[in-house]
Amino acid sequence: MFFINFKMGAIDCKIHGLGVGFYETCKHINFAIRSKKYIETFDLPIFGGKLCRDCYEQIDFSFIDNLGVNRNDLDSILSLPEEQAQIIEDTLTLIYEQFVWQRGIVCLFCFKEFDKYS
């Protein structure tokens, strides 16, 4: 939640110490965790980032839904022909990059403590 240092795959959380693993979150979830205000979270397919309802609902997932696969089931996405799977990956990469500049990094333990209340 409040970080001293961050390196790819590891985080030094002021609450839980040095740990491996974190979630990337939208800025709203990051703020909610720091404020101890609990809000509903949603997964960004494939990338696994955590988004609040408002950020999640800004995304038009029709490019996945129109292919007849479950957007939250990685196996069903991977079972698509390579060309279709590539379209999903490319589109989700663009969506992910929209949230990266405003994201928060949250240690797994801080997120689990937060998520059990939401």
PDB file of N, CA and C in Angstrom:
ATOM      1  N   MET A   1       0.817  -1.176   0.000  1.00  0.00           N
ATOM      2  CA  MET A   1       0.000   0.000   0.000  1.00  0.00           C
ATOM      3  C   MET A   1       0.872   1.254   0.000  1.00  0.00           C
ATOM      4  N   PHE A   2       1.752   1.402   0.928  1.00  0.00           N
ATOM      5  CA  PHE A   2       2.675   2.533   0.936  1.00  0.00           C
ATOM      6  C   PHE A   2       4.062   1.938   0.728  1.00  0.00           C
ATOM      7  N   PHE A   3       4.680   2.276  -0.372  1.00  0.00           N
ATOM      8  CA  PHE A   3       5.839   1.523  -0.807  1.00  0.00           C
ATOM      9  C   PHE A   3       7.142   2.278  -0.657  1.00  0.00           C
ATOM     10  N   ILE A   4       8.160   1.535  -0.257  1.00  0.00           N
ATOM     11  CA  ILE A   4       9.507   2.068  -0.202  1.00  0.00           C
ATOM     12  C   ILE A   4      10.189   1.826  -1.540  1.00  0.00           C
ATOM     13  N   ASN A   5      10.019   0.638  -2.072  1.00  0.00           N
ATOM     14  CA  ASN A   5      10.724   0.250  -3.283  1.00  0.00           C
ATOM     15  C   ASN A   5       9.862  -0.727  -4.072  1.00  0.00           C
ATOM     16  N   PHE A   6      10.004  -0.695  -5.388  1.00  0.00           N
ATOM     17  CA  PHE A   6       9.261  -1.592  -6.257  1.00  0.00           C
ATOM     18  C   PHE A   6      10.184  -2.054  -7.366  1.00  0.00           C
ATOM     19  N   LYS A   7      10.328  -3.353  -7.528  1.00  0.00           N
ATOM     20  CA  LYS A   7      11.074  -3.946  -8.636  1.00  0.00           C
ATOM     21  C   LYS A   7      10.170  -4.996  -9.269  1.00  0.00           C
ATOM     22  N   MET A   8      10.366  -5.243 -10.537  1.00  0.00           N
ATOM     23  CA  MET A   8       9.478  -6.149 -11.251  1.00  0.00           C
ATOM     24  C   MET A   8       9.286  -7.455 -10.474  1.00  0.00           C
ATOM     25  N   GLY A   9       8.062  -7.720 -10.084  1.00  0.00           N
ATOM     26  CA  GLY A   9       7.723  -8.952  -9.397  1.00  0.00           C
ATOM     27  C   GLY A   9       7.880  -8.905  -7.890  1.00  0.00           C
ATOM     28  N   ALA A  10       8.514  -7.877  -7.344  1.00  0.00           N
ATOM     29  CA  ALA A  10       8.702  -7.777  -5.893  1.00  0.00           C
ATOM     30  C   ALA A  10       8.307  -6.380  -5.439  1.00  0.00           C
ATOM     31  N   ILE A  11       7.892  -6.304  -4.188  1.00  0.00           N
ATOM     32  CA  ILE A  11       7.466  -5.023  -3.642  1.00  0.00           C
ATOM     33  C   ILE A  11       7.894  -4.954  -2.180  1.00  0.00           C
ATOM     34  N   ASP A  12       8.283  -3.793  -1.746  1.00  0.00           N
ATOM     35  CA  ASP A  12       8.637  -3.587  -0.341  1.00  0.00           C
ATOM     36  C   ASP A  12       7.528  -2.745   0.276  1.00  0.00           C
ATOM     37  N   CYS A  13       6.582  -3.423   0.898  1.00  0.00           N
ATOM     38  CA  CYS A  13       5.410  -2.776   1.474  1.00  0.00           C
ATOM     39  C   CYS A  13       5.739  -2.328   2.896  1.00  0.00           C
ATOM     40  N   LYS A  14       5.362  -1.118   3.241  1.00  0.00           N
ATOM     41  CA  LYS A  14       5.629  -0.602   4.587  1.00  0.00           C
ATOM     42  C   LYS A  14       4.848  -1.363   5.652  1.00  0.00           C
ATOM     43  N   ILE A  15       3.804  -2.065   5.257  1.00  0.00           N
ATOM     44  CA  ILE A  15       3.003  -2.823   6.214  1.00  0.00           C
ATOM     45  C   ILE A  15       3.469  -4.279   6.290  1.00  0.00           C
ATOM     46  N   HIS A  16       3.664  -4.911   5.139  1.00  0.00           N
ATOM     47  CA  HIS A  16       3.964  -6.342   5.099  1.00  0.00           C
ATOM     48  C   HIS A  16       5.423  -6.664   4.790  1.00  0.00           C
ATOM     49  N   GLY A  17       6.230  -5.657   4.523  1.00  0.00           N
ATOM     50  CA  GLY A  17       7.641  -5.886   4.231  1.00  0.00           C
ATOM     51  C   GLY A  17       7.871  -6.340   2.805  1.00  0.00           C
ATOM     52  N   LEU A  18       9.077  -6.867   2.571  1.00  0.00           N
ATOM     53  CA  LEU A  18       9.461  -7.310   1.236  1.00  0.00           C
ATOM     54  C   LEU A  18       8.659  -8.547   0.850  1.00  0.00           C
ATOM     55  N   GLY A  19       8.051  -8.488  -0.295  1.00  0.00           N
ATOM     56  CA  GLY A  19       7.249  -9.614  -0.752  1.00  0.00           C
ATOM     57  C   GLY A  19       7.313  -9.748  -2.250  1.00  0.00           C
ATOM     58  N   VAL A  20       6.984 -10.940  -2.694  1.00  0.00           N
ATOM     59  CA  VAL A  20       6.941 -11.200  -4.130  1.00  0.00           C
ATOM     60  C   VAL A  20       5.473 -11.219  -4.535  1.00  0.00           C
ATOM     61  N   GLY A  21       5.154 -10.416  -5.482  1.00  0.00           N
ATOM     62  CA  GLY A  21       3.806 -10.385  -6.009  1.00  0.00           C
ATOM     63  C   GLY A  21       3.064  -9.127  -5.629  1.00  0.00           C
ATOM     64  N   PHE A  22       2.285  -8.650  -6.567  1.00  0.00           N
ATOM     65  CA  PHE A  22       1.501  -7.440  -6.379  1.00  0.00           C
ATOM     66  C   PHE A  22       0.381  -7.440  -7.404  1.00  0.00           C
ATOM     67  N   TYR A  23      -0.568  -6.566  -7.192  1.00  0.00           N
ATOM     68  CA  TYR A  23      -1.595  -6.302  -8.182  1.00  0.00           C
ATOM     69  C   TYR A  23      -1.416  -4.888  -8.694  1.00  0.00           C
ATOM     70  N   GLU A  24      -1.635  -4.722  -9.986  1.00  0.00           N
ATOM     71  CA  GLU A  24      -1.757  -3.392 -10.551  1.00  0.00           C
ATOM     72  C   GLU A  24      -3.239  -3.044 -10.464  1.00  0.00           C
ATOM     73  N   THR A  25      -3.530  -1.866  -9.984  1.00  0.00           N
ATOM     74  CA  THR A  25      -4.920  -1.461  -9.813  1.00  0.00           C
ATOM     75  C   THR A  25      -5.144  -0.110 -10.476  1.00  0.00           C
ATOM     76  N   CYS A  26      -6.395   0.183 -10.744  1.00  0.00           N
ATOM     77  CA  CYS A  26      -6.700   1.538 -11.193  1.00  0.00           C
ATOM     78  C   CYS A  26      -6.471   2.470 -10.004  1.00  0.00           C
ATOM     79  N   LYS A  27      -6.372   3.747 -10.283  1.00  0.00           N
ATOM     80  CA  LYS A  27      -6.082   4.712  -9.230  1.00  0.00           C
ATOM     81  C   LYS A  27      -7.186   4.751  -8.172  1.00  0.00           C
ATOM     82  N   HIS A  28      -8.411   4.394  -8.546  1.00  0.00           N
ATOM     83  CA  HIS A  28      -9.530   4.443  -7.608  1.00  0.00           C
ATOM     84  C   HIS A  28      -9.416   3.344  -6.550  1.00  0.00           C
ATOM     85  N   ILE A  29      -9.009   2.152  -6.964  1.00  0.00           N
ATOM     86  CA  ILE A  29      -8.811   1.068  -5.993  1.00  0.00           C
ATOM     87  C   ILE A  29      -7.637   1.396  -5.095  1.00  0.00           C
ATOM     88  N   ASN A  30      -6.575   1.907  -5.683  1.00  0.00           N
ATOM     89  CA  ASN A  30      -5.402   2.269  -4.879  1.00  0.00           C
ATOM     90  C   ASN A  30      -5.795   3.279  -3.803  1.00  0.00           C
ATOM     91  N   PHE A  31      -6.566   4.285  -4.184  1.00  0.00           N
ATOM     92  CA  PHE A  31      -7.017   5.290  -3.228  1.00  0.00           C
ATOM     93  C   PHE A  31      -7.947   4.670  -2.181  1.00  0.00           C
ATOM     94  N   ALA A  32      -8.848   3.787  -2.616  1.00  0.00           N
ATOM     95  CA  ALA A  32      -9.789   3.151  -1.689  1.00  0.00           C
ATOM     96  C   ALA A  32      -9.045   2.317  -0.643  1.00  0.00           C
ATOM     97  N   ILE A  33      -8.009   1.608  -1.065  1.00  0.00           N
ATOM     98  CA  ILE A  33      -7.229   0.798  -0.125  1.00  0.00           C
ATOM     99  C   ILE A  33      -6.554   1.706   0.897  1.00  0.00           C
ATOM    100  N   ARG A  34      -5.933   2.762   0.417  1.00  0.00           N
ATOM    101  CA  ARG A  34      -5.249   3.677   1.336  1.00  0.00           C
ATOM    102  C   ARG A  34      -6.233   4.375   2.273  1.00  0.00           C
ATOM    103  N   SER A  35      -7.448   4.597   1.799  1.00  0.00           N
ATOM    104  CA  SER A  35      -8.467   5.286   2.592  1.00  0.00           C
ATOM    105  C   SER A  35      -9.308   4.328   3.439  1.00  0.00           C
ATOM    106  N   LYS A  36      -9.054   3.035   3.270  1.00  0.00           N
ATOM    107  CA  LYS A  36      -9.841   2.001   3.950  1.00  0.00           C
ATOM    108  C   LYS A  36     -11.332   2.105   3.624  1.00  0.00           C
ATOM    109  N   LYS A  37     -11.608   2.451   2.370  1.00  0.00           N
ATOM    110  CA  LYS A  37     -12.974   2.461   1.843  1.00  0.00           C
ATOM    111  C   LYS A  37     -13.059   1.299   0.863  1.00  0.00           C
ATOM    112  N   TYR A  38     -14.006   0.433   1.055  1.00  0.00           N
ATOM    113  CA  TYR A  38     -14.060  -0.793   0.280  1.00  0.00           C
ATOM    114  C   TYR A  38     -15.004  -0.651  -0.900  1.00  0.00           C
ATOM    115  N   ILE A  39     -14.495  -0.988  -2.085  1.00  0.00           N
ATOM    116  CA  ILE A  39     -15.282  -0.905  -3.313  1.00  0.00           C
ATOM    117  C   ILE A  39     -15.156  -2.217  -4.062  1.00  0.00           C
ATOM    118  N   GLU A  40     -16.115  -2.475  -4.922  1.00  0.00           N
ATOM    119  CA  GLU A  40     -16.121  -3.695  -5.723  1.00  0.00           C
ATOM    120  C   GLU A  40     -14.983  -3.652  -6.745  1.00  0.00           C
ATOM    121  N   THR A  41     -14.353  -4.800  -6.992  1.00  0.00           N
ATOM    122  CA  THR A  41     -13.253  -4.865  -7.957  1.00  0.00           C
ATOM    123  C   THR A  41     -13.576  -5.851  -9.076  1.00  0.00           C
ATOM    124  N   PHE A  42     -12.958  -5.614 -10.220  1.00  0.00           N
ATOM    125  CA  PHE A  42     -13.133  -6.453 -11.398  1.00  0.00           C
ATOM    126  C   PHE A  42     -11.766  -6.718 -12.006  1.00  0.00           C
ATOM    127  N   ASP A  43     -11.621  -7.902 -12.624  1.00  0.00           N
ATOM    128  CA  ASP A  43     -10.349  -8.268 -13.261  1.00  0.00           C
ATOM    129  C   ASP A  43     -10.311  -7.804 -14.704  1.00  0.00           C
ATOM    130  N   LEU A  44      -9.177  -7.256 -15.113  1.00  0.00           N
ATOM    131  CA  LEU A  44      -8.945  -6.982 -16.526  1.00  0.00           C
ATOM    132  C   LEU A  44      -8.501  -8.299 -17.150  1.00  0.00           C
ATOM    133  N   PRO A  45      -9.283  -8.844 -18.103  1.00  0.00           N
ATOM    134  CA  PRO A  45      -8.937 -10.144 -18.672  1.00  0.00           C
ATOM    135  C   PRO A  45      -7.491 -10.205 -19.174  1.00  0.00           C
ATOM    136  N   ILE A  46      -6.901 -11.360 -19.041  1.00  0.00           N
ATOM    137  CA  ILE A  46      -5.543 -11.715 -19.440  1.00  0.00           C
ATOM    138  C   ILE A  46      -4.498 -11.016 -18.579  1.00  0.00           C
ATOM    139  N   PHE A  47      -4.564  -9.709 -18.430  1.00  0.00           N
ATOM    140  CA  PHE A  47      -3.541  -8.973 -17.691  1.00  0.00           C
ATOM    141  C   PHE A  47      -3.697  -9.106 -16.182  1.00  0.00           C
ATOM    142  N   GLY A  48      -4.917  -9.361 -15.725  1.00  0.00           N
ATOM    143  CA  GLY A  48      -5.131  -9.569 -14.306  1.00  0.00           C
ATOM    144  C   GLY A  48      -5.106  -8.320 -13.455  1.00  0.00           C
ATOM    145  N   GLY A  49      -5.052  -7.150 -14.068  1.00  0.00           N
ATOM    146  CA  GLY A  49      -5.130  -5.925 -13.279  1.00  0.00           C
ATOM    147  C   GLY A  49      -6.493  -5.819 -12.622  1.00  0.00           C
ATOM    148  N   LYS A  50      -6.572  -5.067 -11.556  1.00  0.00           N
ATOM    149  CA  LYS A  50      -7.825  -4.892 -10.822  1.00  0.00           C
ATOM    150  C   LYS A  50      -8.376  -3.500 -11.100  1.00  0.00           C
ATOM    151  N   LEU A  51      -9.644  -3.450 -11.473  1.00  0.00           N
ATOM    152  CA  LEU A  51     -10.298  -2.190 -11.801  1.00  0.00           C
ATOM    153  C   LEU A  51     -11.547  -2.016 -10.953  1.00  0.00           C
ATOM    154  N   CYS A  52     -11.873  -0.772 -10.647  1.00  0.00           N
ATOM    155  CA  CYS A  52     -13.139  -0.473  -9.984  1.00  0.00           C
ATOM    156  C   CYS A  52     -14.262  -0.593 -11.016  1.00  0.00           C
ATOM    157  N   ARG A  53     -15.492  -0.554 -10.537  1.00  0.00           N
ATOM    158  CA  ARG A  53     -16.642  -0.686 -11.442  1.00  0.00           C
ATOM    159  C   ARG A  53     -16.627   0.405 -12.522  1.00  0.00           C
ATOM    160  N   ASP A  54     -16.363   1.654 -12.144  1.00  0.00           N
ATOM    161  CA  ASP A  54     -16.383   2.746 -13.123  1.00  0.00           C
ATOM    162  C   ASP A  54     -15.362   2.537 -14.232  1.00  0.00           C
ATOM    163  N   CYS A  55     -14.143   2.162 -13.873  1.00  0.00           N
ATOM    164  CA  CYS A  55     -13.112   1.925 -14.895  1.00  0.00           C
ATOM    165  C   CYS A  55     -13.461   0.714 -15.750  1.00  0.00           C
ATOM    166  N   TYR A  56     -13.946  -0.348 -15.116  1.00  0.00           N
ATOM    167  CA  TYR A  56     -14.297  -1.571 -15.835  1.00  0.00           C
ATOM    168  C   TYR A  56     -15.419  -1.303 -16.836  1.00  0.00           C
ATOM    169  N   GLU A  57     -16.407  -0.531 -16.429  1.00  0.00           N
ATOM    170  CA  GLU A  57     -17.550  -0.274 -17.305  1.00  0.00           C
ATOM    171  C   GLU A  57     -17.224   0.685 -18.447  1.00  0.00           C
ATOM    172  N   GLN A  58     -16.085   1.357 -18.401  1.00  0.00           N
ATOM    173  CA  GLN A  58     -15.649   2.207 -19.518  1.00  0.00           C
ATOM    174  C   GLN A  58     -15.151   1.382 -20.698  1.00  0.00           C
ATOM    175  N   ILE A  59     -14.841   0.122 -20.445  1.00  0.00           N
ATOM    176  CA  ILE A  59     -14.247  -0.731 -21.478  1.00  0.00           C
ATOM    177  C   ILE A  59     -15.352  -1.435 -22.265  1.00  0.00           C
ATOM    178  N   ASP A  60     -15.261  -1.359 -23.573  1.00  0.00           N
ATOM    179  CA  ASP A  60     -16.189  -2.064 -24.447  1.00  0.00           C
ATOM    180  C   ASP A  60     -15.587  -3.436 -24.757  1.00  0.00           C
ATOM    181  N   PHE A  61     -16.123  -4.472 -24.121  1.00  0.00           N
ATOM    182  CA  PHE A  61     -15.591  -5.829 -24.300  1.00  0.00           C
ATOM    183  C   PHE A  61     -16.240  -6.571 -25.463  1.00  0.00           C
ATOM    184  N   SER A  62     -16.994  -5.875 -26.303  1.00  0.00           N
ATOM    185  CA  SER A  62     -17.694  -6.562 -27.392  1.00  0.00           C
ATOM    186  C   SER A  62     -16.726  -7.281 -28.336  1.00  0.00           C
ATOM    187  N   PHE A  63     -15.491  -6.789 -28.436  1.00  0.00           N
ATOM    188  CA  PHE A  63     -14.518  -7.441 -29.318  1.00  0.00           C
ATOM    189  C   PHE A  63     -14.187  -8.854 -28.833  1.00  0.00           C
ATOM    190  N   ILE A  64     -14.376  -9.128 -27.556  1.00  0.00           N
ATOM    191  CA  ILE A  64     -14.200 -10.491 -27.032  1.00  0.00           C
ATOM    192  C   ILE A  64     -15.546 -11.221 -27.066  1.00  0.00           C
ATOM    193  N   ASP A  65     -16.572 -10.569 -26.536  1.00  0.00           N
ATOM    194  CA  ASP A  65     -17.887 -11.200 -26.425  1.00  0.00           C
ATOM    195  C   ASP A  65     -18.420 -11.652 -27.780  1.00  0.00           C
ATOM    196  N   ASN A  66     -18.141 -10.898 -28.848  1.00  0.00           N
ATOM    197  CA  ASN A  66     -18.620 -11.253 -30.190  1.00  0.00           C
ATOM    198  C   ASN A  66     -17.959 -12.513 -30.739  1.00  0.00           C
ATOM    199  N   LEU A  67     -16.861 -12.939 -30.116  1.00  0.00           N
ATOM    200  CA  LEU A  67     -16.186 -14.168 -30.556  1.00  0.00           C
ATOM    201  C   LEU A  67     -16.774 -15.397 -29.868  1.00  0.00           C
ATOM    202  N   GLY A  68     -17.718 -15.174 -28.959  1.00  0.00           N
ATOM    203  CA  GLY A  68     -18.394 -16.290 -28.300  1.00  0.00           C
ATOM    204  C   GLY A  68     -17.562 -16.965 -27.225  1.00  0.00           C
ATOM    205  N   VAL A  69     -16.630 -16.237 -26.616  1.00  0.00           N
ATOM    206  CA  VAL A  69     -15.827 -16.807 -25.529  1.00  0.00           C
ATOM    207  C   VAL A  69     -16.067 -16.016 -24.252  1.00  0.00           C
ATOM    208  N   ASN A  70     -15.784 -16.660 -23.146  1.00  0.00           N
ATOM    209  CA  ASN A  70     -15.892 -16.002 -21.841  1.00  0.00           C
ATOM    210  C   ASN A  70     -14.657 -15.144 -21.635  1.00  0.00           C
ATOM    211  N   ARG A  71     -14.835 -13.846 -21.490  1.00  0.00           N
ATOM    212  CA  ARG A  71     -13.689 -12.931 -21.367  1.00  0.00           C
ATOM    213  C   ARG A  71     -12.845 -13.194 -20.140  1.00  0.00           C
ATOM    214  N   ASN A  72     -13.404 -13.858 -19.126  1.00  0.00           N
ATOM    215  CA  ASN A  72     -12.657 -14.129 -17.899  1.00  0.00           C
ATOM    216  C   ASN A  72     -12.062 -15.528 -17.866  1.00  0.00           C
ATOM    217  N   ASP A  73     -12.181 -16.257 -18.955  1.00  0.00           N
ATOM    218  CA  ASP A  73     -11.656 -17.616 -19.023  1.00  0.00           C
ATOM    219  C   ASP A  73     -10.495 -17.652 -20.018  1.00  0.00           C
ATOM    220  N   LEU A  74      -9.292 -17.608 -19.478  1.00  0.00           N
ATOM    221  CA  LEU A  74      -8.091 -17.575 -20.321  1.00  0.00           C
ATOM    222  C   LEU A  74      -8.019 -18.778 -21.249  1.00  0.00           C
ATOM    223  N   ASP A  75      -8.412 -19.965 -20.768  1.00  0.00           N
ATOM    224  CA  ASP A  75      -8.361 -21.160 -21.613  1.00  0.00           C
ATOM    225  C   ASP A  75      -9.252 -21.023 -22.841  1.00  0.00           C
ATOM    226  N   SER A  76     -10.431 -20.412 -22.669  1.00  0.00           N
ATOM    227  CA  SER A  76     -11.313 -20.271 -23.835  1.00  0.00           C
ATOM    228  C   SER A  76     -10.742 -19.265 -24.828  1.00  0.00           C
ATOM    229  N   ILE A  77     -10.068 -18.227 -24.324  1.00  0.00           N
ATOM    230  CA  ILE A  77      -9.428 -17.260 -25.220  1.00  0.00           C
ATOM    231  C   ILE A  77      -8.263 -17.919 -25.954  1.00  0.00           C
ATOM    232  N   LEU A  78      -7.484 -18.706 -25.224  1.00  0.00           N
ATOM    233  CA  LEU A  78      -6.330 -19.377 -25.846  1.00  0.00           C
ATOM    234  C   LEU A  78      -6.744 -20.450 -26.842  1.00  0.00           C
ATOM    235  N   SER A  79      -7.987 -20.938 -26.749  1.00  0.00           N
ATOM    236  CA  SER A  79      -8.449 -21.963 -27.688  1.00  0.00           C
ATOM    237  C   SER A  79      -8.894 -21.369 -29.025  1.00  0.00           C
ATOM    238  N   LEU A  80      -8.947 -20.042 -29.106  1.00  0.00           N
ATOM    239  CA  LEU A  80      -9.322 -19.391 -30.362  1.00  0.00           C
ATOM    240  C   LEU A  80      -8.221 -19.555 -31.403  1.00  0.00           C
ATOM    241  N   PRO A  81      -8.578 -19.433 -32.677  1.00  0.00           N
ATOM    242  CA  PRO A  81      -7.537 -19.403 -33.710  1.00  0.00           C
ATOM    243  C   PRO A  81      -6.557 -18.260 -33.406  1.00  0.00           C
ATOM    244  N   GLU A  82      -5.307 -18.438 -33.774  1.00  0.00           N
ATOM    245  CA  GLU A  82      -4.249 -17.487 -33.431  1.00  0.00           C
ATOM    246  C   GLU A  82      -4.590 -16.050 -33.838  1.00  0.00           C
ATOM    247  N   GLU A  83      -5.180 -15.876 -35.004  1.00  0.00           N
ATOM    248  CA  GLU A  83      -5.497 -14.527 -35.480  1.00  0.00           C
ATOM    249  C   GLU A  83      -6.494 -13.828 -34.548  1.00  0.00           C
ATOM    250  N   GLN A  84      -7.527 -14.551 -34.110  1.00  0.00           N
ATOM    251  CA  GLN A  84      -8.516 -13.969 -33.202  1.00  0.00           C
ATOM    252  C   GLN A  84      -7.904 -13.707 -31.820  1.00  0.00           C
ATOM    253  N   ALA A  85      -7.116 -14.637 -31.321  1.00  0.00           N
ATOM    254  CA  ALA A  85      -6.460 -14.450 -30.023  1.00  0.00           C
ATOM    255  C   ALA A  85      -5.530 -13.239 -30.069  1.00  0.00           C
ATOM    256  N   GLN A  86      -4.868 -13.028 -31.203  1.00  0.00           N
ATOM    257  CA  GLN A  86      -3.971 -11.885 -31.345  1.00  0.00           C
ATOM    258  C   GLN A  86      -4.737 -10.564 -31.312  1.00  0.00           C
ATOM    259  N   ILE A  87      -5.920 -10.542 -31.915  1.00  0.00           N
ATOM    260  CA  ILE A  87      -6.760  -9.340 -31.875  1.00  0.00           C
ATOM    261  C   ILE A  87      -7.122  -9.010 -30.430  1.00  0.00           C
ATOM    262  N   ILE A  88      -7.495 -10.028 -29.663  1.00  0.00           N
ATOM    263  CA  ILE A  88      -7.832  -9.819 -28.254  1.00  0.00           C
ATOM    264  C   ILE A  88      -6.623  -9.294 -27.493  1.00  0.00           C
ATOM    265  N   GLU A  89      -5.477  -9.933 -27.698  1.00  0.00           N
ATOM    266  CA  GLU A  89      -4.267  -9.495 -26.992  1.00  0.00           C
ATOM    267  C   GLU A  89      -3.906  -8.050 -27.355  1.00  0.00           C
ATOM    268  N   ASP A  90      -3.932  -7.735 -28.628  1.00  0.00           N
ATOM    269  CA  ASP A  90      -3.578  -6.377 -29.065  1.00  0.00           C
ATOM    270  C   ASP A  90      -4.545  -5.336 -28.495  1.00  0.00           C
ATOM    271  N   THR A  91      -5.827  -5.641 -28.513  1.00  0.00           N
ATOM    272  CA  THR A  91      -6.829  -4.703 -28.009  1.00  0.00           C
ATOM    273  C   THR A  91      -6.709  -4.534 -26.500  1.00  0.00           C
ATOM    274  N   LEU A  92      -6.530  -5.652 -25.773  1.00  0.00           N
ATOM    275  CA  LEU A  92      -6.365  -5.564 -24.318  1.00  0.00           C
ATOM    276  C   LEU A  92      -5.080  -4.837 -23.944  1.00  0.00           C
ATOM    277  N   THR A  93      -4.052  -4.957 -24.763  1.00  0.00           N
ATOM    278  CA  THR A  93      -2.809  -4.217 -24.507  1.00  0.00           C
ATOM    279  C   THR A  93      -3.074  -2.717 -24.573  1.00  0.00           C
ATOM    280  N   LEU A  94      -3.833  -2.277 -25.565  1.00  0.00           N
ATOM    281  CA  LEU A  94      -4.181  -0.854 -25.669  1.00  0.00           C
ATOM    282  C   LEU A  94      -5.010  -0.405 -24.469  1.00  0.00           C
ATOM    283  N   ILE A  95      -5.962  -1.233 -24.051  1.00  0.00           N
ATOM    284  CA  ILE A  95      -6.797  -0.906 -22.886  1.00  0.00           C
ATOM    285  C   ILE A  95      -5.928  -0.832 -21.637  1.00  0.00           C
ATOM    286  N   TYR A  96      -5.063  -1.825 -21.459  1.00  0.00           N
ATOM    287  CA  TYR A  96      -4.165  -1.850 -20.305  1.00  0.00           C
ATOM    288  C   TYR A  96      -3.312  -0.580 -20.245  1.00  0.00           C
ATOM    289  N   GLU A  97      -2.793  -0.167 -21.392  1.00  0.00           N
ATOM    290  CA  GLU A  97      -1.935   1.019 -21.435  1.00  0.00           C
ATOM    291  C   GLU A  97      -2.692   2.295 -21.060  1.00  0.00           C
ATOM    292  N   GLN A  98      -4.011   2.314 -21.240  1.00  0.00           N
ATOM    293  CA  GLN A  98      -4.811   3.469 -20.821  1.00  0.00           C
ATOM    294  C   GLN A  98      -4.797   3.614 -19.303  1.00  0.00           C
ATOM    295  N   PHE A  99      -4.714   2.490 -18.589  1.00  0.00           N
ATOM    296  CA  PHE A  99      -4.772   2.515 -17.137  1.00  0.00           C
ATOM    297  C   PHE A  99      -3.394   2.565 -16.497  1.00  0.00           C
ATOM    298  N   VAL A 100      -2.348   2.224 -17.237  1.00  0.00           N
ATOM    299  CA  VAL A 100      -1.000   2.148 -16.671  1.00  0.00           C
ATOM    300  C   VAL A 100      -0.531   3.477 -16.114  1.00  0.00           C
ATOM    301  N   TRP A 101      -0.756   4.554 -16.818  1.00  0.00           N
ATOM    302  CA  TRP A 101      -0.227   5.849 -16.375  1.00  0.00           C
ATOM    303  C   TRP A 101      -0.863   6.304 -15.070  1.00  0.00           C
ATOM    304  N   GLN A 102      -2.024   5.778 -14.739  1.00  0.00           N
ATOM    305  CA  GLN A 102      -2.717   6.208 -13.532  1.00  0.00           C
ATOM    306  C   GLN A 102      -2.850   5.088 -12.505  1.00  0.00           C
ATOM    307  N   ARG A 103      -2.148   4.002 -12.710  1.00  0.00           N
ATOM    308  CA  ARG A 103      -2.341   2.821 -11.866  1.00  0.00           C
ATOM    309  C   ARG A 103      -1.699   2.958 -10.500  1.00  0.00           C
ATOM    310  N   GLY A 104      -2.038   2.020  -9.672  1.00  0.00           N
ATOM    311  CA  GLY A 104      -1.391   1.855  -8.386  1.00  0.00           C
ATOM    312  C   GLY A 104      -0.831   0.452  -8.307  1.00  0.00           C
ATOM    313  N   ILE A 105       0.171   0.278  -7.497  1.00  0.00           N
ATOM    314  CA  ILE A 105       0.756  -1.036  -7.256  1.00  0.00           C
ATOM    315  C   ILE A 105       0.434  -1.379  -5.808  1.00  0.00           C
ATOM    316  N   VAL A 106      -0.184  -2.536  -5.579  1.00  0.00           N
ATOM    317  CA  VAL A 106      -0.622  -2.926  -4.246  1.00  0.00           C
ATOM    318  C   VAL A 106      -0.061  -4.315  -3.941  1.00  0.00           C
ATOM    319  N   CYS A 107       0.550  -4.476  -2.775  1.00  0.00           N
ATOM    320  CA  CYS A 107       1.072  -5.796  -2.408  1.00  0.00           C
ATOM    321  C   CYS A 107      -0.094  -6.776  -2.286  1.00  0.00           C
ATOM    322  N   LEU A 108       0.194  -8.051  -2.516  1.00  0.00           N
ATOM    323  CA  LEU A 108      -0.858  -9.070  -2.492  1.00  0.00           C
ATOM    324  C   LEU A 108      -1.591  -9.105  -1.162  1.00  0.00           C
ATOM    325  N   PHE A 109      -0.856  -8.960  -0.065  1.00  0.00           N
ATOM    326  CA  PHE A 109      -1.472  -9.044   1.258  1.00  0.00           C
ATOM    327  C   PHE A 109      -2.384  -7.847   1.533  1.00  0.00           C
ATOM    328  N   CYS A 110      -1.950  -6.641   1.141  1.00  0.00           N
ATOM    329  CA  CYS A 110      -2.806  -5.465   1.300  1.00  0.00           C
ATOM    330  C   CYS A 110      -4.082  -5.637   0.483  1.00  0.00           C
ATOM    331  N   PHE A 111      -3.945  -6.155  -0.758  1.00  0.00           N
ATOM    332  CA  PHE A 111      -5.134  -6.333  -1.590  1.00  0.00           C
ATOM    333  C   PHE A 111      -6.055  -7.386  -1.003  1.00  0.00           C
ATOM    334  N   LYS A 112      -5.507  -8.503  -0.509  1.00  0.00           N
ATOM    335  CA  LYS A 112      -6.349  -9.547   0.080  1.00  0.00           C
ATOM    336  C   LYS A 112      -7.101  -9.020   1.292  1.00  0.00           C
ATOM    337  N   GLU A 113      -6.460  -8.220   2.112  1.00  0.00           N
ATOM    338  CA  GLU A 113      -7.142  -7.630   3.259  1.00  0.00           C
ATOM    339  C   GLU A 113      -8.271  -6.710   2.814  1.00  0.00           C
ATOM    340  N   PHE A 114      -8.017  -5.940   1.774  1.00  0.00           N
ATOM    341  CA  PHE A 114      -9.019  -5.037   1.213  1.00  0.00           C
ATOM    342  C   PHE A 114     -10.156  -5.827   0.582  1.00  0.00           C
ATOM    343  N   ASP A 115      -9.803  -6.825  -0.238  1.00  0.00           N
ATOM    344  CA  ASP A 115     -10.774  -7.542  -1.055  1.00  0.00           C
ATOM    345  C   ASP A 115     -11.751  -8.362  -0.212  1.00  0.00           C
ATOM    346  N   LYS A 116     -11.339  -8.805   0.969  1.00  0.00           N
ATOM    347  CA  LYS A 116     -12.252  -9.621   1.773  1.00  0.00           C
ATOM    348  C   LYS A 116     -13.463  -8.816   2.265  1.00  0.00           C
ATOM    349  N   TYR A 117     -13.377  -7.491   2.212  1.00  0.00           N
ATOM    350  CA  TYR A 117     -14.491  -6.643   2.629  1.00  0.00           C
ATOM    351  C   TYR A 117     -15.333  -6.156   1.470  1.00  0.00           C
ATOM    352  N   SER A 118     -14.824  -6.310   0.248  1.00  0.00           N
ATOM    353  CA  SER A 118     -15.576  -5.749  -0.884  1.00  0.00           C
ATOM    354  C   SER A 118     -16.507  -6.776  -1.501  1.00  0.00           C
TER     355      SER A 118
END
